[in-house]
């Protein structure tokens, strides 16, 4: 169970998936274009952003099309949380997105 896993020696946080923050961010860094694509889409949506994690992941999958697997979408979601762009507020998602530019 991930909640009983030992933390990595380098101090990286363990994500709900059981992977360290560094491994999640490393996975997403390989596909920064997907991160940019998703962030641009969320910024353009203004008040019409997905309100739950499930809806956000479905939206991300639809936006990325066939370019991203379910594992990449999960890693992308975890990276958004790790970078502070998305936070879970109970069952709801709250956003702190960068300014459009």
PDB file of N, CA and C in Angstrom:
ATOM      1  N   UNK A   1       0.845  -1.181   0.000  1.00  0.00           N
ATOM      2  CA  UNK A   1       0.000   0.000   0.000  1.00  0.00           C
ATOM      3  C   UNK A   1       0.885   1.237   0.000  1.00  0.00           C
ATOM      4  N   UNK A   2       0.576   2.186  -0.877  1.00  0.00           N
ATOM      5  CA  UNK A   2       1.419   3.378  -0.985  1.00  0.00           C
ATOM      6  C   UNK A   2       1.513   4.185   0.301  1.00  0.00           C
ATOM      7  N   UNK A   3       0.457   4.164   1.105  1.00  0.00           N
ATOM      8  CA  UNK A   3       0.496   4.988   2.315  1.00  0.00           C
ATOM      9  C   UNK A   3       1.499   4.454   3.334  1.00  0.00           C
ATOM     10  N   UNK A   4       1.911   3.170   3.192  1.00  0.00           N
ATOM     11  CA  UNK A   4       2.883   2.592   4.099  1.00  0.00           C
ATOM     12  C   UNK A   4       4.275   2.502   3.487  1.00  0.00           C
ATOM     13  N   UNK A   5       4.420   3.003   2.276  1.00  0.00           N
ATOM     14  CA  UNK A   5       5.712   2.945   1.598  1.00  0.00           C
ATOM     15  C   UNK A   5       6.687   3.899   2.263  1.00  0.00           C
ATOM     16  N   UNK A   6       7.952   3.498   2.291  1.00  0.00           N
ATOM     17  CA  UNK A   6       8.978   4.365   2.843  1.00  0.00           C
ATOM     18  C   UNK A   6       9.189   5.537   1.904  1.00  0.00           C
ATOM     19  N   UNK A   7       9.381   6.742   2.441  1.00  0.00           N
ATOM     20  CA  UNK A   7       9.636   7.882   1.564  1.00  0.00           C
ATOM     21  C   UNK A   7      10.994   7.709   0.884  1.00  0.00           C
ATOM     22  N   UNK A   8      11.146   8.249  -0.311  1.00  0.00           N
ATOM     23  CA  UNK A   8      12.428   8.167  -1.007  1.00  0.00           C
ATOM     24  C   UNK A   8      13.518   8.847  -0.201  1.00  0.00           C
ATOM     25  N   UNK A   9      14.731   8.362  -0.329  1.00  0.00           N
ATOM     26  CA  UNK A   9      15.856   8.896   0.433  1.00  0.00           C
ATOM     27  C   UNK A   9      16.130  10.357   0.108  1.00  0.00           C
ATOM     28  N   UNK A  10      15.800  10.784  -1.102  1.00  0.00           N
ATOM     29  CA  UNK A  10      16.087  12.165  -1.489  1.00  0.00           C
ATOM     30  C   UNK A  10      15.036  13.151  -0.995  1.00  0.00           C
ATOM     31  N   UNK A  11      14.010  12.686  -0.299  1.00  0.00           N
ATOM     32  CA  UNK A  11      13.006  13.561   0.283  1.00  0.00           C
ATOM     33  C   UNK A  11      11.856  13.909  -0.626  1.00  0.00           C
ATOM     34  N   UNK A  12      11.765  13.304  -1.816  1.00  0.00           N
ATOM     35  CA  UNK A  12      10.648  13.582  -2.721  1.00  0.00           C
ATOM     36  C   UNK A  12       9.367  13.028  -2.118  1.00  0.00           C
ATOM     37  N   UNK A  13       8.282  13.741  -2.283  1.00  0.00           N
ATOM     38  CA  UNK A  13       6.995  13.326  -1.734  1.00  0.00           C
ATOM     39  C   UNK A  13       6.434  12.142  -2.511  1.00  0.00           C
ATOM     40  N   UNK A  14       5.680  11.288  -1.802  1.00  0.00           N
ATOM     41  CA  UNK A  14       5.004  10.166  -2.450  1.00  0.00           C
ATOM     42  C   UNK A  14       3.618  10.633  -2.873  1.00  0.00           C
ATOM     43  N   UNK A  15       3.266  10.397  -4.134  1.00  0.00           N
ATOM     44  CA  UNK A  15       1.958  10.747  -4.681  1.00  0.00           C
ATOM     45  C   UNK A  15       0.970   9.632  -4.378  1.00  0.00           C
ATOM     46  N   UNK A  16      -0.349   9.875  -4.507  1.00  0.00           N
ATOM     47  CA  UNK A  16      -1.342   8.831  -4.266  1.00  0.00           C
ATOM     48  C   UNK A  16      -1.114   7.573  -5.104  1.00  0.00           C
ATOM     49  N   UNK A  17      -0.478   7.691  -6.241  1.00  0.00           N
ATOM     50  CA  UNK A  17      -0.231   6.520  -7.085  1.00  0.00           C
ATOM     51  C   UNK A  17       0.901   5.661  -6.531  1.00  0.00           C
ATOM     52  N   UNK A  18       1.594   6.163  -5.500  1.00  0.00           N
ATOM     53  CA  UNK A  18       2.708   5.424  -4.935  1.00  0.00           C
ATOM     54  C   UNK A  18       4.044   5.799  -5.546  1.00  0.00           C
ATOM     55  N   UNK A  19       4.039   6.693  -6.534  1.00  0.00           N
ATOM     56  CA  UNK A  19       5.272   7.135  -7.168  1.00  0.00           C
ATOM     57  C   UNK A  19       5.731   8.420  -6.513  1.00  0.00           C
ATOM     58  N   UNK A  20       7.034   8.661  -6.551  1.00  0.00           N
ATOM     59  CA  UNK A  20       7.548   9.891  -5.962  1.00  0.00           C
ATOM     60  C   UNK A  20       7.216  11.071  -6.862  1.00  0.00           C
ATOM     61  N   UNK A  21       7.176  12.252  -6.267  1.00  0.00           N
ATOM     62  CA  UNK A  21       6.912  13.471  -7.023  1.00  0.00           C
ATOM     63  C   UNK A  21       7.920  13.618  -8.151  1.00  0.00           C
ATOM     64  N   UNK A  22       9.191  13.316  -7.868  1.00  0.00           N
ATOM     65  CA  UNK A  22      10.220  13.475  -8.897  1.00  0.00           C
ATOM     66  C   UNK A  22       9.974  12.550 -10.079  1.00  0.00           C
ATOM     67  N   UNK A  23       9.530  11.305  -9.812  1.00  0.00           N
ATOM     68  CA  UNK A  23       9.287  10.399 -10.934  1.00  0.00           C
ATOM     69  C   UNK A  23       8.084  10.850 -11.735  1.00  0.00           C
ATOM     70  N   UNK A  24       7.085  11.396 -11.066  1.00  0.00           N
ATOM     71  CA  UNK A  24       5.899  11.897 -11.773  1.00  0.00           C
ATOM     72  C   UNK A  24       6.281  13.084 -12.633  1.00  0.00           C
ATOM     73  N   UNK A  25       6.999  14.026 -12.063  1.00  0.00           N
ATOM     74  CA  UNK A  25       7.385  15.211 -12.813  1.00  0.00           C
ATOM     75  C   UNK A  25       8.347  14.827 -13.928  1.00  0.00           C
ATOM     76  N   UNK A  26       9.228  13.866 -13.682  1.00  0.00           N
ATOM     77  CA  UNK A  26      10.130  13.397 -14.723  1.00  0.00           C
ATOM     78  C   UNK A  26       9.370  12.818 -15.902  1.00  0.00           C
ATOM     79  N   UNK A  27       8.313  12.078 -15.630  1.00  0.00           N
ATOM     80  CA  UNK A  27       7.494  11.501 -16.689  1.00  0.00           C
ATOM     81  C   UNK A  27       6.861  12.599 -17.523  1.00  0.00           C
ATOM     82  N   UNK A  28       6.365  13.622 -16.859  1.00  0.00           N
ATOM     83  CA  UNK A  28       5.680  14.695 -17.566  1.00  0.00           C
ATOM     84  C   UNK A  28       6.679  15.595 -18.279  1.00  0.00           C
ATOM     85  N   UNK A  29       7.869  15.787 -17.709  1.00  0.00           N
ATOM     86  CA  UNK A  29       8.867  16.619 -18.377  1.00  0.00           C
ATOM     87  C   UNK A  29       9.191  16.076 -19.755  1.00  0.00           C
ATOM     88  N   UNK A  30       9.096  14.765 -19.916  1.00  0.00           N
ATOM     89  CA  UNK A  30       9.357  14.173 -21.212  1.00  0.00           C
ATOM     90  C   UNK A  30       8.300  14.594 -22.220  1.00  0.00           C
ATOM     91  N   UNK A  31       7.133  14.999 -21.746  1.00  0.00           N
ATOM     92  CA  UNK A  31       6.058  15.414 -22.653  1.00  0.00           C
ATOM     93  C   UNK A  31       5.527  16.781 -22.229  1.00  0.00           C
ATOM     94  N   UNK A  32       6.436  17.746 -22.112  1.00  0.00           N
ATOM     95  CA  UNK A  32       6.041  19.102 -21.722  1.00  0.00           C
ATOM     96  C   UNK A  32       5.031  19.701 -22.690  1.00  0.00           C
ATOM     97  N   UNK A  33       5.026  19.214 -23.914  1.00  0.00           N
ATOM     98  CA  UNK A  33       4.056  19.743 -24.873  1.00  0.00           C
ATOM     99  C   UNK A  33       2.634  19.410 -24.426  1.00  0.00           C
ATOM    100  N   UNK A  34       2.439  18.238 -23.797  1.00  0.00           N
ATOM    101  CA  UNK A  34       1.111  17.891 -23.274  1.00  0.00           C
ATOM    102  C   UNK A  34       0.737  18.803 -22.111  1.00  0.00           C
ATOM    103  N   UNK A  35       1.712  19.106 -21.252  1.00  0.00           N
ATOM    104  CA  UNK A  35       1.461  20.005 -20.119  1.00  0.00           C
ATOM    105  C   UNK A  35       1.040  21.376 -20.648  1.00  0.00           C
ATOM    106  N   UNK A  36       1.761  21.881 -21.635  1.00  0.00           N
ATOM    107  CA  UNK A  36       1.428  23.186 -22.211  1.00  0.00           C
ATOM    108  C   UNK A  36       0.050  23.153 -22.865  1.00  0.00           C
ATOM    109  N   UNK A  37      -0.247  22.081 -23.578  1.00  0.00           N
ATOM    110  CA  UNK A  37      -1.535  21.924 -24.240  1.00  0.00           C
ATOM    111  C   UNK A  37      -2.677  21.969 -23.222  1.00  0.00           C
ATOM    112  N   UNK A  38      -2.529  21.226 -22.137  1.00  0.00           N
ATOM    113  CA  UNK A  38      -3.568  21.168 -21.101  1.00  0.00           C
ATOM    114  C   UNK A  38      -3.690  22.511 -20.390  1.00  0.00           C
ATOM    115  N   UNK A  39      -2.567  23.125 -20.028  1.00  0.00           N
ATOM    116  CA  UNK A  39      -2.622  24.422 -19.336  1.00  0.00           C
ATOM    117  C   UNK A  39      -3.268  25.488 -20.220  1.00  0.00           C
ATOM    118  N   UNK A  40      -2.896  25.521 -21.486  1.00  0.00           N
ATOM    119  CA  UNK A  40      -3.505  26.496 -22.403  1.00  0.00           C
ATOM    120  C   UNK A  40      -5.018  26.293 -22.494  1.00  0.00           C
ATOM    121  N   UNK A  41      -5.432  25.038 -22.574  1.00  0.00           N
ATOM    122  CA  UNK A  41      -6.865  24.738 -22.647  1.00  0.00           C
ATOM    123  C   UNK A  41      -7.590  25.182 -21.377  1.00  0.00           C
ATOM    124  N   UNK A  42      -7.002  24.899 -20.215  1.00  0.00           N
ATOM    125  CA  UNK A  42      -7.643  25.281 -18.947  1.00  0.00           C
ATOM    126  C   UNK A  42      -7.717  26.799 -18.806  1.00  0.00           C
ATOM    127  N   UNK A  43      -6.680  27.505 -19.226  1.00  0.00           N
ATOM    128  CA  UNK A  43      -6.677  28.966 -19.143  1.00  0.00           C
ATOM    129  C   UNK A  43      -7.772  29.549 -20.039  1.00  0.00           C
ATOM    130  N   UNK A  44      -7.916  28.996 -21.232  1.00  0.00           N
ATOM    131  CA  UNK A  44      -8.927  29.499 -22.171  1.00  0.00           C
ATOM    132  C   UNK A  44     -10.355  29.241 -21.685  1.00  0.00           C
ATOM    133  N   UNK A  45     -10.537  28.227 -20.851  1.00  0.00           N
ATOM    134  CA  UNK A  45     -11.877  27.869 -20.391  1.00  0.00           C
ATOM    135  C   UNK A  45     -12.461  28.857 -19.382  1.00  0.00           C
ATOM    136  N   UNK A  46     -11.657  29.679 -18.797  1.00  0.00           N
ATOM    137  CA  UNK A  46     -12.085  30.654 -17.792  1.00  0.00           C
ATOM    138  C   UNK A  46     -12.936  29.977 -16.722  1.00  0.00           C
ATOM    139  N   UNK A  47     -14.217  30.288 -16.602  1.00  0.00           N
ATOM    140  CA  UNK A  47     -15.064  29.727 -15.541  1.00  0.00           C
ATOM    141  C   UNK A  47     -15.595  28.337 -15.888  1.00  0.00           C
ATOM    142  N   UNK A  48     -15.389  27.858 -17.082  1.00  0.00           N
ATOM    143  CA  UNK A  48     -15.943  26.569 -17.512  1.00  0.00           C
ATOM    144  C   UNK A  48     -14.953  25.419 -17.320  1.00  0.00           C
ATOM    145  N   UNK A  49     -14.109  25.506 -16.286  1.00  0.00           N
ATOM    146  CA  UNK A  49     -13.130  24.455 -16.024  1.00  0.00           C
ATOM    147  C   UNK A  49     -13.808  23.240 -15.380  1.00  0.00           C
ATOM    148  N   UNK A  50     -13.250  22.052 -15.582  1.00  0.00           N
ATOM    149  CA  UNK A  50     -13.790  20.856 -14.922  1.00  0.00           C
ATOM    150  C   UNK A  50     -13.771  21.027 -13.405  1.00  0.00           C
ATOM    151  N   UNK A  51     -14.796  20.503 -12.752  1.00  0.00           N
ATOM    152  CA  UNK A  51     -14.927  20.716 -11.312  1.00  0.00           C
ATOM    153  C   UNK A  51     -14.521  19.528 -10.457  1.00  0.00           C
ATOM    154  N   UNK A  52     -14.332  18.354 -11.058  1.00  0.00           N
ATOM    155  CA  UNK A  52     -13.886  17.181 -10.308  1.00  0.00           C
ATOM    156  C   UNK A  52     -12.647  16.604 -10.981  1.00  0.00           C
ATOM    157  N   UNK A  53     -11.894  15.812 -10.224  1.00  0.00           N
ATOM    158  CA  UNK A  53     -10.680  15.205 -10.771  1.00  0.00           C
ATOM    159  C   UNK A  53     -11.015  14.291 -11.948  1.00  0.00           C
ATOM    160  N   UNK A  54     -12.082  13.531 -11.834  1.00  0.00           N
ATOM    161  CA  UNK A  54     -12.463  12.613 -12.910  1.00  0.00           C
ATOM    162  C   UNK A  54     -12.772  13.382 -14.196  1.00  0.00           C
ATOM    163  N   UNK A  55     -13.544  14.464 -14.076  1.00  0.00           N
ATOM    164  CA  UNK A  55     -13.886  15.268 -15.247  1.00  0.00           C
ATOM    165  C   UNK A  55     -12.645  15.928 -15.832  1.00  0.00           C
ATOM    166  N   UNK A  56     -11.747  16.397 -14.959  1.00  0.00           N
ATOM    167  CA  UNK A  56     -10.508  17.016 -15.435  1.00  0.00           C
ATOM    168  C   UNK A  56      -9.671  16.002 -16.209  1.00  0.00           C
ATOM    169  N   UNK A  57      -9.530  14.795 -15.689  1.00  0.00           N
ATOM    170  CA  UNK A  57      -8.752  13.768 -16.383  1.00  0.00           C
ATOM    171  C   UNK A  57      -9.396  13.404 -17.717  1.00  0.00           C
ATOM    172  N   UNK A  58     -10.715  13.310 -17.754  1.00  0.00           N
ATOM    173  CA  UNK A  58     -11.407  13.028 -19.017  1.00  0.00           C
ATOM    174  C   UNK A  58     -11.196  14.162 -20.023  1.00  0.00           C
ATOM    175  N   UNK A  59     -11.238  15.387 -19.541  1.00  0.00           N
ATOM    176  CA  UNK A  59     -11.010  16.554 -20.392  1.00  0.00           C
ATOM    177  C   UNK A  59      -9.578  16.557 -20.931  1.00  0.00           C
ATOM    178  N   UNK A  60      -8.630  16.230 -20.055  1.00  0.00           N
ATOM    179  CA  UNK A  60      -7.231  16.174 -20.473  1.00  0.00           C
ATOM    180  C   UNK A  60      -7.037  15.093 -21.537  1.00  0.00           C
ATOM    181  N   UNK A  61      -7.659  13.939 -21.350  1.00  0.00           N
ATOM    182  CA  UNK A  61      -7.549  12.849 -22.323  1.00  0.00           C
ATOM    183  C   UNK A  61      -8.142  13.271 -23.663  1.00  0.00           C
ATOM    184  N   UNK A  62      -9.293  13.926 -23.630  1.00  0.00           N
ATOM    185  CA  UNK A  62      -9.931  14.381 -24.867  1.00  0.00           C
ATOM    186  C   UNK A  62      -9.068  15.431 -25.560  1.00  0.00           C
ATOM    187  N   UNK A  63      -8.491  16.336 -24.794  1.00  0.00           N
ATOM    188  CA  UNK A  63      -7.678  17.407 -25.367  1.00  0.00           C
ATOM    189  C   UNK A  63      -6.387  16.872 -25.969  1.00  0.00           C
ATOM    190  N   UNK A  64      -5.793  15.866 -25.306  1.00  0.00           N
ATOM    191  CA  UNK A  64      -4.537  15.288 -25.790  1.00  0.00           C
ATOM    192  C   UNK A  64      -4.768  14.283 -26.908  1.00  0.00           C
ATOM    193  N   UNK A  65      -6.000  13.851 -27.077  1.00  0.00           N
ATOM    194  CA  UNK A  65      -6.326  12.907 -28.145  1.00  0.00           C
ATOM    195  C   UNK A  65      -5.611  11.589 -27.972  1.00  0.00           C
ATOM    196  N   UNK A  66      -5.196  11.002 -29.050  1.00  0.00           N
ATOM    197  CA  UNK A  66      -4.525   9.720 -29.009  1.00  0.00           C
ATOM    198  C   UNK A  66      -3.052   9.813 -28.660  1.00  0.00           C
ATOM    199  N   UNK A  67      -2.589  11.005 -28.317  1.00  0.00           N
ATOM    200  CA  UNK A  67      -1.175  11.210 -28.025  1.00  0.00           C
ATOM    201  C   UNK A  67      -0.790  10.806 -26.609  1.00  0.00           C
ATOM    202  N   UNK A  68      -1.755  10.528 -25.739  1.00  0.00           N
ATOM    203  CA  UNK A  68      -1.445  10.252 -24.341  1.00  0.00           C
ATOM    204  C   UNK A  68      -2.183   9.012 -23.855  1.00  0.00           C
ATOM    205  N   UNK A  69      -1.447   8.168 -23.144  1.00  0.00           N
ATOM    206  CA  UNK A  69      -2.052   6.980 -22.543  1.00  0.00           C
ATOM    207  C   UNK A  69      -2.699   7.369 -21.216  1.00  0.00           C
ATOM    208  N   UNK A  70      -3.442   6.448 -20.635  1.00  0.00           N
ATOM    209  CA  UNK A  70      -4.071   6.702 -19.333  1.00  0.00           C
ATOM    210  C   UNK A  70      -3.013   6.959 -18.269  1.00  0.00           C
ATOM    211  N   UNK A  71      -1.881   6.266 -18.353  1.00  0.00           N
ATOM    212  CA  UNK A  71      -0.798   6.487 -17.391  1.00  0.00           C
ATOM    213  C   UNK A  71      -0.196   7.880 -17.545  1.00  0.00           C
ATOM    214  N   UNK A  72      -0.070   8.348 -18.783  1.00  0.00           N
ATOM    215  CA  UNK A  72       0.449   9.698 -18.999  1.00  0.00           C
ATOM    216  C   UNK A  72      -0.521  10.744 -18.476  1.00  0.00           C
ATOM    217  N   UNK A  73      -1.809  10.510 -18.653  1.00  0.00           N
ATOM    218  CA  UNK A  73      -2.817  11.456 -18.148  1.00  0.00           C
ATOM    219  C   UNK A  73      -2.753  11.506 -16.624  1.00  0.00           C
ATOM    220  N   UNK A  74      -2.624  10.358 -15.983  1.00  0.00           N
ATOM    221  CA  UNK A  74      -2.512  10.309 -14.521  1.00  0.00           C
ATOM    222  C   UNK A  74      -1.253  11.036 -14.061  1.00  0.00           C
ATOM    223  N   UNK A  75      -0.138  10.797 -14.742  1.00  0.00           N
ATOM    224  CA  UNK A  75       1.117  11.471 -14.404  1.00  0.00           C
ATOM    225  C   UNK A  75       0.999  12.972 -14.622  1.00  0.00           C
ATOM    226  N   UNK A  76       0.323  13.367 -15.680  1.00  0.00           N
ATOM    227  CA  UNK A  76       0.115  14.782 -15.976  1.00  0.00           C
ATOM    228  C   UNK A  76      -0.730  15.435 -14.888  1.00  0.00           C
ATOM    229  N   UNK A  77      -1.792  14.748 -14.457  1.00  0.00           N
ATOM    230  CA  UNK A  77      -2.637  15.258 -13.378  1.00  0.00           C
ATOM    231  C   UNK A  77      -1.814  15.429 -12.099  1.00  0.00           C
ATOM    232  N   UNK A  78      -1.025  14.408 -11.761  1.00  0.00           N
ATOM    233  CA  UNK A  78      -0.197  14.477 -10.554  1.00  0.00           C
ATOM    234  C   UNK A  78       0.844  15.593 -10.653  1.00  0.00           C
ATOM    235  N   UNK A  79       1.369  15.825 -11.843  1.00  0.00           N
ATOM    236  CA  UNK A  79       2.330  16.911 -12.034  1.00  0.00           C
ATOM    237  C   UNK A  79       1.653  18.275 -11.878  1.00  0.00           C
ATOM    238  N   UNK A  80       0.423  18.401 -12.368  1.00  0.00           N
ATOM    239  CA  UNK A  80      -0.328  19.652 -12.182  1.00  0.00           C
ATOM    240  C   UNK A  80      -0.533  19.926 -10.696  1.00  0.00           C
ATOM    241  N   UNK A  81      -0.823  18.879  -9.937  1.00  0.00           N
ATOM    242  CA  UNK A  81      -0.993  19.023  -8.483  1.00  0.00           C
ATOM    243  C   UNK A  81       0.343  19.372  -7.844  1.00  0.00           C
ATOM    244  N   UNK A  82       1.411  18.645  -8.221  1.00  0.00           N
ATOM    245  CA  UNK A  82       2.733  18.872  -7.641  1.00  0.00           C
ATOM    246  C   UNK A  82       3.249  20.284  -7.922  1.00  0.00           C
ATOM    247  N   UNK A  83       2.933  20.814  -9.081  1.00  0.00           N
ATOM    248  CA  UNK A  83       3.383  22.162  -9.451  1.00  0.00           C
ATOM    249  C   UNK A  83       2.472  23.259  -8.900  1.00  0.00           C
ATOM    250  N   UNK A  84       1.363  22.878  -8.289  1.00  0.00           N
ATOM    251  CA  UNK A  84       0.480  23.854  -7.660  1.00  0.00           C
ATOM    252  C   UNK A  84      -0.562  24.456  -8.580  1.00  0.00           C
ATOM    253  N   UNK A  85      -0.673  23.992  -9.812  1.00  0.00           N
ATOM    254  CA  UNK A  85      -1.680  24.514 -10.726  1.00  0.00           C
ATOM    255  C   UNK A  85      -3.074  24.007 -10.371  1.00  0.00           C
ATOM    256  N   UNK A  86      -3.130  22.816  -9.790  1.00  0.00           N
ATOM    257  CA  UNK A  86      -4.393  22.181  -9.423  1.00  0.00           C
ATOM    258  C   UNK A  86      -4.270  21.702  -7.989  1.00  0.00           C
ATOM    259  N   UNK A  87      -5.332  21.860  -7.215  1.00  0.00           N
ATOM    260  CA  UNK A  87      -5.350  21.288  -5.865  1.00  0.00           C
ATOM    261  C   UNK A  87      -6.731  20.716  -5.613  1.00  0.00           C
ATOM    262  N   UNK A  88      -6.760  19.675  -4.819  1.00  0.00           N
ATOM    263  CA  UNK A  88      -8.019  19.038  -4.485  1.00  0.00           C
ATOM    264  C   UNK A  88      -8.576  19.715  -3.237  1.00  0.00           C
ATOM    265  N   UNK A  89      -9.799  20.149  -3.329  1.00  0.00           N
ATOM    266  CA  UNK A  89     -10.500  20.806  -2.238  1.00  0.00           C
ATOM    267  C   UNK A  89     -11.696  19.914  -1.911  1.00  0.00           C
ATOM    268  N   UNK A  90     -11.418  18.805  -1.192  1.00  0.00           N
ATOM    269  CA  UNK A  90     -12.435  17.783  -1.009  1.00  0.00           C
ATOM    270  C   UNK A  90     -12.611  17.071  -2.337  1.00  0.00           C
ATOM    271  N   UNK A  91     -13.842  16.848  -2.774  1.00  0.00           N
ATOM    272  CA  UNK A  91     -14.050  16.192  -4.070  1.00  0.00           C
ATOM    273  C   UNK A  91     -13.906  17.154  -5.253  1.00  0.00           C
ATOM    274  N   UNK A  92     -13.783  18.424  -4.972  1.00  0.00           N
ATOM    275  CA  UNK A  92     -13.713  19.444  -6.030  1.00  0.00           C
ATOM    276  C   UNK A  92     -12.269  19.808  -6.357  1.00  0.00           C
ATOM    277  N   UNK A  93     -12.088  20.316  -7.567  1.00  0.00           N
ATOM    278  CA  UNK A  93     -10.771  20.758  -8.030  1.00  0.00           C
ATOM    279  C   UNK A  93     -10.744  22.279  -7.979  1.00  0.00           C
ATOM    280  N   UNK A  94      -9.639  22.818  -7.458  1.00  0.00           N
ATOM    281  CA  UNK A  94      -9.425  24.265  -7.457  1.00  0.00           C
ATOM    282  C   UNK A  94      -8.175  24.539  -8.297  1.00  0.00           C
ATOM    283  N   UNK A  95      -8.147  25.672  -8.945  1.00  0.00           N
ATOM    284  CA  UNK A  95      -7.068  25.995  -9.888  1.00  0.00           C
ATOM    285  C   UNK A  95      -6.320  27.233  -9.470  1.00  0.00           C
ATOM    286  N   UNK A  96      -5.005  27.211  -9.678  1.00  0.00           N
ATOM    287  CA  UNK A  96      -4.134  28.375  -9.580  1.00  0.00           C
ATOM    288  C   UNK A  96      -3.266  28.320 -10.834  1.00  0.00           C
ATOM    289  N   UNK A  97      -3.820  28.820 -11.925  1.00  0.00           N
ATOM    290  CA  UNK A  97      -3.168  28.720 -13.234  1.00  0.00           C
ATOM    291  C   UNK A  97      -2.322  29.947 -13.503  1.00  0.00           C
ATOM    292  N   UNK A  98      -1.260  29.780 -14.318  1.00  0.00           N
ATOM    293  CA  UNK A  98      -0.450  30.937 -14.691  1.00  0.00           C
ATOM    294  C   UNK A  98      -1.258  31.877 -15.587  1.00  0.00           C
ATOM    295  N   UNK A  99      -0.831  33.114 -15.658  1.00  0.00           N
ATOM    296  CA  UNK A  99      -1.503  34.086 -16.515  1.00  0.00           C
ATOM    297  C   UNK A  99      -1.331  33.690 -17.966  1.00  0.00           C
ATOM    298  N   UNK A 100      -2.348  33.977 -18.750  1.00  0.00           N
ATOM    299  CA  UNK A 100      -2.299  33.665 -20.190  1.00  0.00           C
ATOM    300  C   UNK A 100      -1.187  34.490 -20.823  1.00  0.00           C
ATOM    301  N   UNK A 101      -0.461  33.847 -21.709  1.00  0.00           N
ATOM    302  CA  UNK A 101       0.612  34.623 -22.303  1.00  0.00           C
ATOM    303  C   UNK A 101       1.144  34.077 -23.520  1.00  0.00           C
TER     304      UNK A 101
END
